[in-house]
């Protein structure tokens, strides 16, 4: 009886090769960078699963979620886009 068949991590070489072929994708989409309103360091702005921008500052540990239209508008004004297409998509989407 093969007891290791149902245990994760105990795969044959053929099964392990198929897993490594899939590309790794980021968990959240990065919109760009902006200055942290608390400490002023340049930090990444991400889009949540509910399509709202937020920042997670690694310097001062602030987590800021932008929920209102005016807050999102001000954030987009000071945002340095990660790519030119991404900023256009985020403005055209339901961020505003």
Protein backbone atom coordinates (compact mmCIF):
# COMPACT_ATOMS: atom_id res chain seq x y z
CA UNK A 1 0.00 0.00 0.00
CA UNK A 2 1.37 3.43 -0.97
CA UNK A 3 0.77 5.75 2.00
CA UNK A 4 2.52 8.76 0.46
CA UNK A 5 0.07 9.03 -2.46
CA UNK A 6 -2.27 11.50 -0.72
CA UNK A 7 0.38 13.54 1.12
CA UNK A 8 1.29 16.91 -0.43
CA UNK A 9 4.96 17.20 -1.32
CA UNK A 10 5.32 13.47 -1.99
CA UNK A 11 4.88 13.55 -5.74
CA UNK A 12 6.71 11.63 -8.35
CA UNK A 13 9.16 13.44 -10.64
CA UNK A 14 6.63 13.60 -13.48
CA UNK A 15 3.99 15.25 -11.28
CA UNK A 16 6.50 17.74 -9.82
CA UNK A 17 7.63 18.85 -13.29
CA UNK A 18 4.11 19.80 -14.34
CA UNK A 19 3.71 21.96 -11.22
CA UNK A 20 6.89 23.94 -11.87
CA UNK A 21 5.82 24.84 -15.41
CA UNK A 22 2.98 27.11 -14.25
CA UNK A 23 4.09 30.76 -13.92
CA UNK A 24 3.90 32.48 -10.55
CA UNK A 25 1.52 35.45 -10.50
CA UNK A 26 1.30 38.22 -7.89
CA UNK A 27 -1.56 37.96 -5.40
CA UNK A 28 -2.66 41.57 -5.94
CA UNK A 29 -2.36 43.87 -8.93
CA UNK A 30 0.08 46.75 -8.43
CA UNK A 31 -1.23 50.08 -9.71
CA UNK A 32 1.96 52.07 -9.19
CA UNK A 33 3.80 53.93 -6.45
CA UNK A 34 2.99 56.94 -4.29
CA UNK A 35 4.34 58.61 -1.17
CA UNK A 36 3.12 57.23 2.16
CA UNK A 37 1.00 59.96 3.80
CA UNK A 38 2.45 59.06 7.22
CA UNK A 39 6.25 58.80 6.71
CA UNK A 40 6.73 60.06 3.13
CA UNK A 41 8.54 56.97 1.75
CA UNK A 42 7.74 55.81 -1.77
CA UNK A 43 5.52 52.70 -1.50
CA UNK A 44 3.56 50.48 -3.89
CA UNK A 45 -0.17 50.92 -4.34
CA UNK A 46 -2.15 47.72 -4.85
CA UNK A 47 -5.71 46.96 -5.92
CA UNK A 48 -7.76 44.84 -3.52
CA UNK A 49 -10.12 42.05 -4.55
CA UNK A 50 -12.97 44.58 -4.29
CA UNK A 51 -11.16 46.84 -6.80
CA UNK A 52 -10.14 49.50 -4.25
CA UNK A 53 -6.57 50.88 -4.00
CA UNK A 54 -4.56 50.51 -0.80
CA UNK A 55 -0.99 50.89 0.40
CA UNK A 56 0.95 48.85 2.92
CA UNK A 57 4.02 50.80 4.05
CA UNK A 58 6.93 48.65 5.15
CA UNK A 59 8.67 51.61 6.79
CA UNK A 60 6.02 52.88 9.23
CA UNK A 61 3.65 49.84 9.07
CA UNK A 62 0.69 51.94 7.94
CA UNK A 63 -2.10 50.24 5.98
CA UNK A 64 -4.31 52.72 4.20
CA UNK A 65 -7.39 51.79 2.19
CA UNK A 66 -8.86 54.37 -0.18
CA UNK A 67 -12.63 53.91 -0.31
CA UNK A 68 -14.19 57.29 -1.13
CA UNK A 69 -14.27 58.89 -4.57
CA UNK A 70 -12.39 62.00 -3.46
CA UNK A 71 -9.67 59.97 -1.72
CA UNK A 72 -9.22 57.77 -4.80
CA UNK A 73 -9.13 60.84 -7.08
CA UNK A 74 -6.40 62.46 -4.96
CA UNK A 75 -4.43 59.23 -4.86
CA UNK A 76 -4.56 58.85 -8.65
CA UNK A 77 -3.30 62.44 -9.10
CA UNK A 78 -0.11 61.65 -7.16
CA UNK A 79 0.31 58.10 -8.42
CA UNK A 80 3.36 57.11 -10.47
CA UNK A 81 2.05 54.35 -12.71
CA UNK A 82 3.75 50.96 -12.81
CA UNK A 83 2.93 50.91 -16.55
CA UNK A 84 1.21 53.48 -18.74
CA UNK A 85 -1.64 51.11 -19.63
CA UNK A 86 -2.33 50.13 -16.02
CA UNK A 87 -3.10 53.69 -14.90
CA UNK A 88 -5.46 54.24 -17.84
CA UNK A 89 -7.27 50.98 -17.06
CA UNK A 90 -7.62 51.85 -13.39
CA UNK A 91 -9.04 55.30 -14.20
CA UNK A 92 -11.43 53.80 -16.75
CA UNK A 93 -12.51 51.06 -14.38
CA UNK A 94 -14.71 51.49 -11.34
CA UNK A 95 -11.99 53.07 -9.17
CA UNK A 96 -13.61 56.48 -9.59
